[in-house]
Amino acid sequence: MHKYLAILICALGLTACQKVINVDIKANNTQLVIEGNVNNIAGQQVISITRTIDYAQTNVYPPVSGATVTVANSVATYTFRETSPGQYVNSTIRARQNQDNTLKIVLDGKTYTAQSTVPVQVALDSLGVNLVTIGTREVKTVSVYYRDAVDFVNQYRFIMYVNGTQVKQIFTADDNNSNGKTINSLLYQTDITLKTGDKIDVEMQCVDAGVYNYWYSLSRQGGNTPNSPATPSNPITNIKGGALGYFSAHTIQRKSIVIL
């Protein structure tokens, strides 16, 4: 999905915070978590609603049912139907370039809103495999190749899967130092060791500034989900009304490669 000169390394979250933080943990200090995605690919678009948990509870984030969920754009207002607890789905809406999309959720008398604009899509050209020296050993890494659009401000999120398993690393990029350039962006991660025969799938999302800020701020904290209670502060959200999480209207492209 999530913030590069000609060769750019997007391996965020490699540093660890050493500062000791004393947190006054209060019981029942839970918040609503919204994870909303609308993209340009035919199929189900999903808005997920869960709730954070107390520190003393097990690492299970309860789904939230009974919400009224809609997304409005210049075409229509689309209702998302709850198909399973906390999962709200619509199969008609599609993200279109330069289109504003407004999320509205009504739950227990409270209203939560967010807006996300679908950016101009930048073409994902190809994937490559590189050797990177770490200490005394060489590790295989995957890089993405694309040409940034010169006439627009662009932000990106990349998601990488190894043999169908998503790596935990959060990859984001912007064009502050690479506007209009051809980019070779290295997706360095330490979660899964790549080896010969592994199938790698990469999803490239062109996202707006608000969504980029969410994923970038989350990556800097080492968090992997908006529910993570271990993060020292909440990532920057584009949701108004007091909930955590994000709403992202974006384009998607996917490419695959096999490690040789």
Protein backbone atom coordinates (compact mmCIF):
# COMPACT_ATOMS: atom_id res chain seq x y z
CA MET A 1 0.00 0.00 0.00
CA HIS A 2 3.45 3.34 3.42
CA LYS A 3 7.83 8.81 3.04
CA TYR A 4 14.59 8.42 -3.51
CA LEU A 5 17.49 9.61 -5.89
CA ALA A 6 18.39 7.42 -8.90
CA ILE A 7 19.00 4.44 -6.63
CA LEU A 8 16.83 4.57 -3.56
CA ILE A 9 16.69 2.32 -0.52
CA CYS A 10 13.30 2.19 1.13
CA ALA A 11 14.06 0.12 4.22
CA LEU A 12 12.38 2.10 6.93
CA GLY A 13 12.13 1.19 10.55
CA LEU A 14 15.66 -0.30 10.88
CA THR A 15 16.53 1.79 13.90
CA ALA A 16 15.28 0.96 17.38
CA CYS A 17 14.27 3.43 20.06
CA GLN A 18 16.45 3.01 23.13
CA LYS A 19 14.73 5.62 25.31
CA VAL A 20 12.82 4.26 28.29
CA ILE A 21 9.25 5.53 28.30
CA ASN A 22 7.06 5.28 31.37
CA VAL A 23 3.46 4.86 30.26
CA ASP A 24 0.50 5.32 32.55
CA ILE A 25 -1.66 2.46 31.28
CA LYS A 26 -5.36 2.87 32.03
CA ALA A 27 -7.92 0.10 31.79
CA ASN A 28 -10.57 0.29 29.06
CA ASN A 29 -8.43 2.77 27.10
CA THR A 30 -9.62 1.46 23.73
CA GLN A 31 -10.19 3.21 20.41
CA LEU A 32 -11.92 2.50 17.14
CA VAL A 33 -9.61 1.43 14.30
CA ILE A 34 -10.65 1.99 10.68
CA GLU A 35 -8.74 0.46 7.76
CA GLY A 36 -10.34 1.49 4.48
CA ASN A 37 -9.17 0.78 0.94
CA VAL A 38 -10.70 1.65 -2.42
CA ASN A 39 -8.65 0.85 -5.51
CA ASN A 40 -8.91 0.70 -9.29
CA ILE A 41 -9.03 -3.10 -9.56
CA ALA A 42 -12.32 -4.91 -10.16
CA GLY A 43 -13.41 -6.85 -7.09
CA GLN A 44 -14.37 -6.32 -3.49
CA GLN A 45 -13.41 -3.04 -1.81
CA VAL A 46 -13.18 -3.46 1.96
CA ILE A 47 -13.55 -1.19 4.98
CA SER A 48 -12.45 -2.93 8.18
CA ILE A 49 -13.53 -1.71 11.61
CA THR A 50 -12.01 -3.10 14.80
CA ARG A 51 -11.23 -1.85 18.28
CA THR A 52 -7.96 -1.64 20.17
CA ILE A 53 -7.53 -3.68 23.34
CA ASP A 54 -6.34 -3.09 26.87
CA TYR A 55 -2.69 -3.85 27.48
CA ALA A 56 -3.68 -6.64 29.87
CA GLN A 57 -5.73 -8.49 27.24
CA THR A 58 -4.62 -11.01 24.66
CA ASN A 59 -3.46 -9.80 21.24
CA VAL A 60 -6.91 -10.08 19.61
CA TYR A 61 -8.57 -7.02 18.08
CA PRO A 62 -12.35 -7.41 18.27
CA PRO A 63 -14.33 -6.59 15.13
CA VAL A 64 -16.96 -3.87 15.34
CA SER A 65 -20.40 -4.58 13.88
CA GLY A 66 -23.45 -2.44 13.27
CA ALA A 67 -21.83 0.55 11.54
CA THR A 68 -23.31 2.42 8.59
CA VAL A 69 -20.50 2.77 6.05
CA THR A 70 -20.58 4.79 2.81
CA VAL A 71 -18.04 6.18 0.34
CA ALA A 72 -19.09 9.08 -1.89
CA ASN A 73 -17.39 10.39 -5.02
CA SER A 74 -18.34 12.25 -8.20
CA VAL A 75 -20.08 9.16 -9.58
CA ALA A 76 -22.31 8.07 -6.69
CA THR A 77 -22.57 7.28 -3.00
CA TYR A 78 -21.78 3.63 -2.33
CA THR A 79 -23.00 1.67 0.68
CA PHE A 80 -20.65 -0.93 2.17
CA ARG A 81 -22.48 -4.01 3.48
CA GLU A 82 -21.22 -5.93 6.52
CA THR A 83 -20.44 -9.43 5.20
CA SER A 84 -18.67 -10.69 8.33
CA PRO A 85 -18.09 -9.10 11.74
CA GLY A 86 -16.22 -5.82 11.23
CA GLN A 87 -15.81 -6.30 7.44
CA TYR A 88 -17.79 -3.93 5.21
CA VAL A 89 -17.71 -4.64 1.47
CA ASN A 90 -18.76 -3.05 -1.82
CA SER A 91 -18.01 -4.60 -5.22
CA THR A 92 -19.19 -1.72 -7.43
CA ILE A 93 -17.03 1.27 -6.52
CA ARG A 94 -13.73 1.84 -8.37
CA ALA A 95 -10.98 4.37 -7.75
CA ARG A 96 -10.47 6.78 -10.66
CA GLN A 97 -7.50 9.09 -11.15
CA ASN A 98 -7.90 12.62 -9.73
CA GLN A 99 -11.15 11.63 -8.02
CA ASP A 100 -12.02 12.63 -4.44
CA ASN A 101 -13.52 9.91 -2.28
CA THR A 102 -15.16 10.64 1.07
CA LEU A 103 -15.63 7.93 3.69
CA LYS A 104 -18.41 8.29 6.26
CA ILE A 105 -18.99 5.89 9.14
CA VAL A 106 -21.81 6.26 11.65
CA LEU A 107 -21.56 4.11 14.75
CA ASP A 108 -23.18 4.40 18.17
CA GLY A 109 -24.28 7.98 17.49
CA LYS A 110 -20.80 9.11 16.41
CA THR A 111 -19.66 10.04 12.90
CA TYR A 112 -16.18 9.42 11.49
CA THR A 113 -15.10 10.85 8.13
CA ALA A 114 -12.04 10.81 5.88
CA GLN A 115 -11.17 12.02 2.39
CA SER A 116 -8.68 10.53 -0.03
CA THR A 117 -7.89 11.64 -3.58
CA VAL A 118 -6.80 9.09 -6.15
CA PRO A 119 -3.52 10.33 -7.64
CA VAL A 120 -2.33 10.01 -11.22
CA GLN A 121 -1.01 6.49 -11.72
CA VAL A 122 2.72 6.08 -12.28
CA ALA A 123 3.57 2.91 -14.22
CA LEU A 124 5.43 0.12 -12.44
CA ASP A 125 8.00 -0.91 -15.04
CA SER A 126 9.64 -4.07 -13.65
CA LEU A 127 11.22 -5.87 -10.70
CA GLY A 128 14.85 -6.86 -10.22
CA VAL A 129 17.03 -8.82 -7.80
CA ASN A 130 20.12 -7.28 -6.20
CA LEU A 131 22.88 -8.49 -3.88
CA VAL A 132 23.47 -6.27 -0.87
CA THR A 133 26.46 -6.73 1.45
CA ILE A 134 25.50 -6.77 5.11
CA GLY A 135 28.60 -7.11 7.26
CA THR A 136 30.46 -10.07 5.81
CA ARG A 137 27.59 -11.67 3.94
CA GLU A 138 25.60 -10.95 0.82
CA VAL A 139 21.81 -11.04 0.87
CA LYS A 140 19.36 -11.01 -2.01
CA THR A 141 16.92 -8.12 -2.18
CA VAL A 142 14.20 -7.06 -4.61
CA SER A 143 14.05 -3.66 -6.27
CA VAL A 144 11.26 -1.92 -8.17
CA TYR A 145 11.81 0.14 -11.31
CA TYR A 146 9.55 3.01 -12.37
CA ARG A 147 9.73 6.51 -13.80
CA ASP A 148 8.31 9.22 -11.56
CA ALA A 149 5.81 11.60 -13.18
CA VAL A 150 7.42 15.02 -13.59
CA ASP A 151 4.24 17.10 -13.63
CA PHE A 152 2.78 15.80 -10.36
CA VAL A 153 3.71 15.34 -6.73
CA ASN A 154 3.85 11.59 -6.21
CA GLN A 155 3.82 9.31 -3.19
CA TYR A 156 4.00 5.54 -3.16
CA ARG A 157 3.47 2.52 -0.96
CA PHE A 158 4.87 -0.91 -1.84
CA ILE A 159 3.76 -4.27 -0.42
CA MET A 160 6.00 -7.32 -0.91
CA TYR A 161 5.01 -10.98 -0.66
CA VAL A 162 7.39 -13.96 -0.55
CA ASN A 163 5.70 -17.19 -1.65
CA GLY A 164 2.37 -15.62 -0.75
CA THR A 165 3.42 -14.35 2.70
CA GLN A 166 3.53 -10.57 3.19
CA VAL A 167 6.76 -9.27 4.69
CA LYS A 168 6.34 -7.09 7.78
CA GLN A 169 8.42 -4.19 6.47
CA ILE A 170 6.48 -1.07 5.46
CA PHE A 171 7.81 0.49 2.23
CA THR A 172 7.01 4.08 1.28
CA ALA A 173 8.49 6.62 -1.14
CA ASP A 174 7.92 10.17 -2.33
CA ASP A 175 9.49 12.23 -5.11
CA ASN A 176 10.95 15.08 -3.06
CA ASN A 177 14.42 14.34 -4.45
CA SER A 178 13.50 12.29 -7.51
CA ASN A 179 10.79 14.18 -9.41
CA GLY A 180 10.63 12.98 -13.00
CA LYS A 181 13.55 10.56 -12.59
CA THR A 182 13.84 6.85 -13.37
CA ILE A 183 13.89 5.09 -10.02
CA ASN A 184 15.47 1.85 -8.86
CA SER A 185 14.02 1.50 -5.36
CA LEU A 186 15.44 -1.27 -3.20
CA LEU A 187 12.89 -3.03 -0.99
CA TYR A 188 15.32 -4.12 1.69
CA GLN A 189 13.80 -6.19 4.47
CA THR A 190 15.01 -8.58 7.16
CA ASP A 191 11.79 -10.44 7.84
CA ILE A 192 12.18 -13.27 5.30
CA THR A 193 15.49 -14.46 3.84
CA LEU A 194 15.19 -14.66 0.05
CA LYS A 195 16.52 -17.78 -1.64
CA THR A 196 16.62 -19.33 -5.09
CA GLY A 197 13.19 -20.40 -6.27
CA ASP A 198 11.22 -17.97 -4.13
CA LYS A 199 8.34 -16.23 -5.91
CA ILE A 200 8.15 -12.53 -5.12
CA ASP A 201 5.03 -10.45 -5.68
CA VAL A 202 5.12 -6.67 -5.32
CA GLU A 203 2.13 -4.38 -5.23
CA MET A 204 2.70 -0.71 -6.04
CA GLN A 205 0.15 1.77 -4.74
CA CYS A 206 0.05 5.39 -5.87
CA VAL A 207 -1.32 7.17 -2.80
CA ASP A 208 -2.12 10.73 -1.79
CA ALA A 209 -0.21 12.76 0.82
CA GLY A 210 -2.50 11.90 3.73
CA VAL A 211 -2.18 8.16 3.15
CA TYR A 212 1.57 8.44 2.62
CA ASN A 213 1.92 10.30 5.94
CA TYR A 214 0.06 7.51 7.71
CA TRP A 215 2.25 4.70 6.37
CA TYR A 216 5.47 6.69 6.70
CA SER A 217 4.80 7.62 10.33
CA LEU A 218 3.82 4.03 11.13
CA SER A 219 7.02 2.71 9.53
CA ARG A 220 9.18 5.07 11.58
CA GLN A 221 7.75 3.54 14.75
CA GLY A 222 8.37 -0.01 13.64
CA GLY A 223 4.65 -0.78 13.72
CA ASN A 224 2.96 -3.17 11.33
CA THR A 225 -0.72 -2.53 12.04
CA PRO A 226 -2.71 0.46 13.25
CA ASN A 227 -3.73 -1.61 16.30
CA SER A 228 -0.16 -2.10 17.53
CA PRO A 229 -0.18 -1.17 21.23
CA ALA A 230 3.61 -1.11 21.35
CA THR A 231 4.05 2.06 19.31
CA PRO A 232 5.06 5.11 21.37
CA SER A 233 2.52 7.31 19.60
CA ASN A 234 -0.25 6.83 17.08
CA PRO A 235 0.58 7.17 13.37
CA ILE A 236 -0.75 10.23 11.56
CA THR A 237 -4.33 9.50 10.51
CA ASN A 238 -6.53 11.13 7.87
CA ILE A 239 -9.68 10.09 9.75
CA LYS A 240 -11.68 12.72 11.61
CA GLY A 241 -13.84 11.94 14.61
CA GLY A 242 -11.42 10.28 17.00
CA ALA A 243 -10.60 6.94 15.37
CA LEU A 244 -7.22 5.42 14.52
CA GLY A 245 -6.27 4.04 11.11
CA TYR A 246 -6.58 5.36 7.55
CA PHE A 247 -8.75 5.62 4.46
CA SER A 248 -6.93 5.16 1.16
CA ALA A 249 -8.26 5.63 -2.37
CA HIS A 250 -5.40 4.61 -4.66
CA THR A 251 -4.26 2.84 -7.80
CA ILE A 252 -2.73 -0.63 -7.75
CA GLN A 253 -0.26 -2.41 -10.01
CA ARG A 254 1.36 -5.80 -9.38
CA LYS A 255 4.38 -7.60 -10.79
CA SER A 256 6.12 -10.88 -9.92
CA ILE A 257 9.63 -12.30 -10.14
CA VAL A 258 11.31 -15.60 -9.22
CA ILE A 259 14.63 -15.49 -7.37
CA LEU A 260 17.38 -17.19 -9.42
